[in-house]
Amino acid sequence: MLPKAKEIVDAASEKMLATVDYLEEDLKNYRVGKATPAIFNGVSVDYYGTPTPLNQVASITTPDAKTLAIQPWERSLISKIEKAILDANLGLTPSNNGEIIRCMVPALTEERRRDLIKKAKAAGETTKVTIRNARRDGIDLLKKAQKNDGLSEDGEKEGEDELQKVTDKWVKKVDEIIAVKEKEILTV
């Protein structure tokens, strides 16, 4: 493949990789019945008037598979952290002993499992759309390169074929990620 076409294909592939990485990070936030500190990734605490991620004002541990323990670095933050957890609508009820906040992770109901699977599949579809958009942008760049930069017609065609192969690879990867997450959600 010609250097210009390869450069365009590589750039599109990088965008696709970033999209898949984002999907994987997003799926980590799904509460699937076992305790993981990633559940709190989207929780912000009011820290002296500034919304601050929970993991920057407390340490979060998992003493066992169903419990999350949050140790604030300042005792004055306990009530603010509890409020932030409740406001985040994670389905967790915090309780504290004056020093540590504990959240018990309840078992998922069948309805909640179905909702999580729907949400995961929707995230997967959104990721696939973004991947296809990156392919479309790459094809547009290849056509412009043929028109303006002297890329041969064969070079453009070869680039398009390679873009399609890369797109198919990433779409397949998204399907695999969603299938693994669906299995994890259904595992009781």
C-alpha atoms as a PDB file:
ATOM      1  CA  MET A   1       0.000   0.000   0.000  1.00  0.00           C
ATOM      2  CA  LEU A   2       1.216   3.510  -0.793  1.00  0.00           C
ATOM      3  CA  PRO A   3       2.539   5.632   2.114  1.00  0.00           C
ATOM      4  CA  LYS A   4      -0.218   8.270   1.860  1.00  0.00           C
ATOM      5  CA  ALA A   5      -2.966   5.625   1.834  1.00  0.00           C
ATOM      6  CA  LYS A   6      -1.303   3.758   4.708  1.00  0.00           C
ATOM      7  CA  GLU A   7      -1.130   6.976   6.725  1.00  0.00           C
ATOM      8  CA  ILE A   8      -4.873   7.567   6.245  1.00  0.00           C
ATOM      9  CA  VAL A   9      -5.763   3.953   7.098  1.00  0.00           C
ATOM     10  CA  ASP A  10      -3.562   4.072  10.218  1.00  0.00           C
ATOM     11  CA  ALA A  11      -5.195   7.301  11.403  1.00  0.00           C
ATOM     12  CA  ALA A  12      -8.677   5.809  10.959  1.00  0.00           C
ATOM     13  CA  SER A  13      -7.568   2.645  12.752  1.00  0.00           C
ATOM     14  CA  GLU A  14      -6.312   4.753  15.693  1.00  0.00           C
ATOM     15  CA  LYS A  15      -9.733   6.423  15.958  1.00  0.00           C
ATOM     16  CA  MET A  16     -11.402   3.011  15.932  1.00  0.00           C
ATOM     17  CA  LEU A  17      -9.060   1.722  18.638  1.00  0.00           C
ATOM     18  CA  ALA A  18      -9.787   4.746  20.833  1.00  0.00           C
ATOM     19  CA  THR A  19     -13.522   4.154  20.405  1.00  0.00           C
ATOM     20  CA  VAL A  20     -13.217   0.489  21.426  1.00  0.00           C
ATOM     21  CA  ASP A  21     -11.050   1.452  24.417  1.00  0.00           C
ATOM     22  CA  TYR A  22     -13.728   3.929  25.486  1.00  0.00           C
ATOM     23  CA  LEU A  23     -16.392   1.210  25.232  1.00  0.00           C
ATOM     24  CA  GLU A  24     -14.334  -1.137  27.412  1.00  0.00           C
ATOM     25  CA  GLU A  25     -13.864   1.586  30.050  1.00  0.00           C
ATOM     26  CA  ASP A  26     -17.567   2.447  29.944  1.00  0.00           C
ATOM     27  CA  LEU A  27     -18.590  -1.198  30.425  1.00  0.00           C
ATOM     28  CA  LYS A  28     -16.402  -1.426  33.542  1.00  0.00           C
ATOM     29  CA  ASN A  29     -18.782   1.018  35.218  1.00  0.00           C
ATOM     30  CA  TYR A  30     -21.713  -1.385  34.916  1.00  0.00           C
ATOM     31  CA  ARG A  31     -22.571  -2.828  38.301  1.00  0.00           C
ATOM     32  CA  VAL A  32     -22.952  -6.553  37.693  1.00  0.00           C
ATOM     33  CA  GLY A  33     -23.400  -7.879  41.216  1.00  0.00           C
ATOM     34  CA  LYS A  34     -19.815  -7.875  42.372  1.00  0.00           C
ATOM     35  CA  ALA A  35     -17.993  -5.048  44.071  1.00  0.00           C
ATOM     36  CA  THR A  36     -15.525  -3.065  41.982  1.00  0.00           C
ATOM     37  CA  PRO A  37     -14.178   0.434  42.678  1.00  0.00           C
ATOM     38  CA  ALA A  38     -14.853   1.340  39.020  1.00  0.00           C
ATOM     39  CA  ILE A  39     -18.544   1.679  39.986  1.00  0.00           C
ATOM     40  CA  PHE A  40     -17.630   5.068  41.462  1.00  0.00           C
ATOM     41  CA  ASN A  41     -15.785   6.420  38.391  1.00  0.00           C
ATOM     42  CA  GLY A  42     -18.579   8.868  37.592  1.00  0.00           C
ATOM     43  CA  VAL A  43     -19.171  10.023  41.183  1.00  0.00           C
ATOM     44  CA  SER A  44     -18.066  13.561  42.053  1.00  0.00           C
ATOM     45  CA  VAL A  45     -17.918  14.954  45.583  1.00  0.00           C
ATOM     46  CA  ASP A  46     -18.273  18.621  46.536  1.00  0.00           C
ATOM     47  CA  TYR A  47     -14.758  19.264  47.857  1.00  0.00           C
ATOM     48  CA  TYR A  48     -14.523  22.838  49.111  1.00  0.00           C
ATOM     49  CA  GLY A  49     -16.900  24.031  46.400  1.00  0.00           C
ATOM     50  CA  THR A  50     -15.253  22.064  43.591  1.00  0.00           C
ATOM     51  CA  PRO A  51     -16.746  18.866  42.119  1.00  0.00           C
ATOM     52  CA  THR A  52     -13.941  16.328  42.575  1.00  0.00           C
ATOM     53  CA  PRO A  53     -13.890  12.633  41.543  1.00  0.00           C
ATOM     54  CA  LEU A  54     -14.477  10.367  44.537  1.00  0.00           C
ATOM     55  CA  ASN A  55     -11.201   8.498  44.025  1.00  0.00           C
ATOM     56  CA  GLN A  56      -9.324  11.805  44.543  1.00  0.00           C
ATOM     57  CA  VAL A  57     -10.765  12.453  48.027  1.00  0.00           C
ATOM     58  CA  ALA A  58     -10.892   8.897  49.402  1.00  0.00           C
ATOM     59  CA  SER A  59      -9.425   5.450  48.988  1.00  0.00           C
ATOM     60  CA  ILE A  60     -11.838   2.814  47.703  1.00  0.00           C
ATOM     61  CA  THR A  61     -11.294  -0.854  48.530  1.00  0.00           C
ATOM     62  CA  THR A  62     -13.213  -4.115  48.199  1.00  0.00           C
ATOM     63  CA  PRO A  63     -12.905  -6.058  51.466  1.00  0.00           C
ATOM     64  CA  ASP A  64     -15.029  -8.839  49.949  1.00  0.00           C
ATOM     65  CA  ALA A  65     -16.953  -9.596  46.745  1.00  0.00           C
ATOM     66  CA  LYS A  66     -20.122  -7.781  47.864  1.00  0.00           C
ATOM     67  CA  THR A  67     -18.742  -4.807  49.826  1.00  0.00           C
ATOM     68  CA  LEU A  68     -17.074  -1.532  48.893  1.00  0.00           C
ATOM     69  CA  ALA A  69     -15.262   0.420  51.606  1.00  0.00           C
ATOM     70  CA  ILE A  70     -14.563   4.126  51.160  1.00  0.00           C
ATOM     71  CA  GLN A  71     -12.012   5.722  53.483  1.00  0.00           C
ATOM     72  CA  PRO A  72     -12.233   9.541  53.120  1.00  0.00           C
ATOM     73  CA  TRP A  73      -8.996  11.438  53.612  1.00  0.00           C
ATOM     74  CA  GLU A  74     -10.895  14.010  55.670  1.00  0.00           C
ATOM     75  CA  ARG A  75     -13.639  13.078  58.133  1.00  0.00           C
ATOM     76  CA  SER A  76     -15.639  16.161  57.162  1.00  0.00           C
ATOM     77  CA  LEU A  77     -16.242  14.587  53.727  1.00  0.00           C
ATOM     78  CA  ILE A  78     -18.214  11.563  54.974  1.00  0.00           C
ATOM     79  CA  SER A  79     -21.654  13.166  54.612  1.00  0.00           C
ATOM     80  CA  LYS A  80     -20.727  14.736  51.261  1.00  0.00           C
ATOM     81  CA  ILE A  81     -19.509  11.398  49.921  1.00  0.00           C
ATOM     82  CA  GLU A  82     -22.705   9.660  51.051  1.00  0.00           C
ATOM     83  CA  LYS A  83     -24.786  12.360  49.354  1.00  0.00           C
ATOM     84  CA  ALA A  84     -22.731  12.060  46.144  1.00  0.00           C
ATOM     85  CA  ILE A  85     -23.214   8.269  46.076  1.00  0.00           C
ATOM     86  CA  LEU A  86     -26.961   8.625  46.569  1.00  0.00           C
ATOM     87  CA  ASP A  87     -27.175  11.405  43.949  1.00  0.00           C
ATOM     88  CA  ALA A  88     -25.272   9.245  41.437  1.00  0.00           C
ATOM     89  CA  ASN A  89     -28.207   6.788  41.499  1.00  0.00           C
ATOM     90  CA  LEU A  90     -26.002   3.689  41.473  1.00  0.00           C
ATOM     91  CA  GLY A  91     -28.445   1.551  43.408  1.00  0.00           C
ATOM     92  CA  LEU A  92     -26.104   1.522  46.410  1.00  0.00           C
ATOM     93  CA  THR A  93     -26.972   2.648  49.936  1.00  0.00           C
ATOM     94  CA  PRO A  94     -23.984   3.980  51.859  1.00  0.00           C
ATOM     95  CA  SER A  95     -23.633   3.511  55.619  1.00  0.00           C
ATOM     96  CA  ASN A  96     -20.836   4.814  57.818  1.00  0.00           C
ATOM     97  CA  ASN A  97     -19.315   4.196  61.231  1.00  0.00           C
ATOM     98  CA  GLY A  98     -17.805   7.672  61.537  1.00  0.00           C
ATOM     99  CA  GLU A  99     -14.598   6.746  59.706  1.00  0.00           C
ATOM    100  CA  ILE A 100     -15.404   4.402  56.814  1.00  0.00           C
ATOM    101  CA  ILE A 101     -18.350   4.354  54.431  1.00  0.00           C
ATOM    102  CA  ARG A 102     -19.503   0.894  53.398  1.00  0.00           C
ATOM    103  CA  CYS A 103     -21.708   0.069  50.434  1.00  0.00           C
ATOM    104  CA  MET A 104     -23.163  -3.391  50.067  1.00  0.00           C
ATOM    105  CA  VAL A 105     -23.580  -4.389  46.425  1.00  0.00           C
ATOM    106  CA  PRO A 106     -26.963  -6.085  46.115  1.00  0.00           C
ATOM    107  CA  ALA A 107     -27.515  -9.035  43.816  1.00  0.00           C
ATOM    108  CA  LEU A 108     -28.979  -8.057  40.471  1.00  0.00           C
ATOM    109  CA  THR A 109     -32.633  -8.715  39.744  1.00  0.00           C
ATOM    110  CA  GLU A 110     -33.588 -10.347  36.465  1.00  0.00           C
ATOM    111  CA  GLU A 111     -35.096  -7.062  35.277  1.00  0.00           C
ATOM    112  CA  ARG A 112     -31.921  -5.124  36.123  1.00  0.00           C
ATOM    113  CA  ARG A 113     -29.844  -7.717  34.259  1.00  0.00           C
ATOM    114  CA  ARG A 114     -32.004  -7.274  31.147  1.00  0.00           C
ATOM    115  CA  ASP A 115     -31.673  -3.479  31.427  1.00  0.00           C
ATOM    116  CA  LEU A 116     -27.887  -3.737  31.726  1.00  0.00           C
ATOM    117  CA  ILE A 117     -27.714  -6.023  28.685  1.00  0.00           C
ATOM    118  CA  LYS A 118     -29.833  -3.561  26.673  1.00  0.00           C
ATOM    119  CA  LYS A 119     -27.603  -0.700  27.796  1.00  0.00           C
ATOM    120  CA  ALA A 120     -24.442  -2.660  26.895  1.00  0.00           C
ATOM    121  CA  LYS A 121     -25.813  -3.560  23.452  1.00  0.00           C
ATOM    122  CA  ALA A 122     -26.787   0.074  22.841  1.00  0.00           C
ATOM    123  CA  ALA A 123     -23.269   1.171  23.805  1.00  0.00           C
ATOM    124  CA  GLY A 124     -21.903  -1.458  21.415  1.00  0.00           C
ATOM    125  CA  GLU A 125     -24.080  -0.173  18.566  1.00  0.00           C
ATOM    126  CA  THR A 126     -22.999   3.404  19.247  1.00  0.00           C
ATOM    127  CA  THR A 127     -19.381   2.262  19.138  1.00  0.00           C
ATOM    128  CA  LYS A 128     -19.968   0.486  15.815  1.00  0.00           C
ATOM    129  CA  VAL A 129     -21.496   3.666  14.369  1.00  0.00           C
ATOM    130  CA  THR A 130     -18.433   5.633  15.473  1.00  0.00           C
ATOM    131  CA  ILE A 131     -16.165   3.016  13.884  1.00  0.00           C
ATOM    132  CA  ARG A 132     -18.107   3.230  10.618  1.00  0.00           C
ATOM    133  CA  ASN A 133     -17.896   7.025  10.749  1.00  0.00           C
ATOM    134  CA  ALA A 134     -14.109   6.741  11.079  1.00  0.00           C
ATOM    135  CA  ARG A 135     -14.120   4.469   8.002  1.00  0.00           C
ATOM    136  CA  ARG A 136     -16.238   6.972   6.078  1.00  0.00           C
ATOM    137  CA  ASP A 137     -13.897   9.817   7.059  1.00  0.00           C
ATOM    138  CA  GLY A 138     -10.925   7.716   5.959  1.00  0.00           C
ATOM    139  CA  ILE A 139     -12.529   6.995   2.579  1.00  0.00           C
ATOM    140  CA  ASP A 140     -13.230  10.724   2.134  1.00  0.00           C
ATOM    141  CA  LEU A 141      -9.565  11.484   2.878  1.00  0.00           C
ATOM    142  CA  LEU A 142      -8.458   8.824   0.391  1.00  0.00           C
ATOM    143  CA  LYS A 143     -10.668  10.378  -2.321  1.00  0.00           C
ATOM    144  CA  LYS A 144      -9.286  13.840  -1.556  1.00  0.00           C
ATOM    145  CA  ALA A 145      -5.752  12.450  -1.672  1.00  0.00           C
ATOM    146  CA  GLN A 146      -6.478  10.937  -5.085  1.00  0.00           C
ATOM    147  CA  LYS A 147      -7.891  14.215  -6.349  1.00  0.00           C
ATOM    148  CA  ASN A 148      -5.388  16.651  -4.793  1.00  0.00           C
ATOM    149  CA  ASP A 149      -2.241  14.767  -3.761  1.00  0.00           C
ATOM    150  CA  GLY A 150      -1.758  12.543  -6.770  1.00  0.00           C
ATOM    151  CA  LEU A 151      -2.694   9.257  -5.083  1.00  0.00           C
ATOM    152  CA  SER A 152      -3.348   6.721  -7.826  1.00  0.00           C
ATOM    153  CA  GLU A 153      -6.796   5.249  -8.330  1.00  0.00           C
ATOM    154  CA  ASP A 154      -5.408   1.809  -7.482  1.00  0.00           C
ATOM    155  CA  GLY A 155      -3.844   3.249  -4.321  1.00  0.00           C
ATOM    156  CA  GLU A 156      -7.180   4.710  -3.301  1.00  0.00           C
ATOM    157  CA  LYS A 157      -8.979   1.416  -3.993  1.00  0.00           C
ATOM    158  CA  GLU A 158      -6.355  -0.516  -2.053  1.00  0.00           C
ATOM    159  CA  GLY A 159      -6.709   1.943   0.839  1.00  0.00           C
ATOM    160  CA  GLU A 160     -10.494   1.552   0.831  1.00  0.00           C
ATOM    161  CA  ASP A 161     -10.181  -2.243   0.885  1.00  0.00           C
ATOM    162  CA  GLU A 162      -7.745  -2.047   3.803  1.00  0.00           C
ATOM    163  CA  LEU A 163     -10.059   0.369   5.646  1.00  0.00           C
ATOM    164  CA  GLN A 164     -12.919  -2.103   5.233  1.00  0.00           C
ATOM    165  CA  LYS A 165     -10.785  -4.933   6.645  1.00  0.00           C
ATOM    166  CA  VAL A 166      -9.792  -2.789   9.645  1.00  0.00           C
ATOM    167  CA  THR A 167     -13.422  -1.750  10.164  1.00  0.00           C
ATOM    168  CA  ASP A 168     -14.590  -5.372  10.072  1.00  0.00           C
ATOM    169  CA  LYS A 169     -11.890  -6.311  12.598  1.00  0.00           C
ATOM    170  CA  TRP A 170     -12.974  -3.615  15.076  1.00  0.00           C
ATOM    171  CA  VAL A 171     -16.702  -4.309  14.637  1.00  0.00           C
ATOM    172  CA  LYS A 172     -15.987  -7.986  15.369  1.00  0.00           C
ATOM    173  CA  LYS A 173     -14.003  -6.938  18.472  1.00  0.00           C
ATOM    174  CA  VAL A 174     -16.969  -4.851  19.686  1.00  0.00           C
ATOM    175  CA  ASP A 175     -19.274  -7.863  19.230  1.00  0.00           C
ATOM    176  CA  GLU A 176     -16.851  -9.996  21.269  1.00  0.00           C
ATOM    177  CA  ILE A 177     -16.634  -7.395  24.061  1.00  0.00           C
ATOM    178  CA  ILE A 178     -20.430  -7.118  24.275  1.00  0.00           C
ATOM    179  CA  ALA A 179     -20.819 -10.919  24.283  1.00  0.00           C
ATOM    180  CA  VAL A 180     -18.340 -11.224  27.174  1.00  0.00           C
ATOM    181  CA  LYS A 181     -20.116  -8.460  29.115  1.00  0.00           C
ATOM    182  CA  GLU A 182     -23.525 -10.064  28.471  1.00  0.00           C
ATOM    183  CA  LYS A 183     -22.225 -13.380  29.805  1.00  0.00           C
ATOM    184  CA  GLU A 184     -20.783 -11.594  32.859  1.00  0.00           C
ATOM    185  CA  ILE A 185     -24.123  -9.866  33.507  1.00  0.00           C
ATOM    186  CA  LEU A 186     -26.062 -13.120  33.208  1.00  0.00           C
ATOM    187  CA  THR A 187     -23.706 -15.011  35.511  1.00  0.00           C
ATOM    188  CA  VAL A 188     -25.436 -15.263  38.881  1.00  0.00           C
END
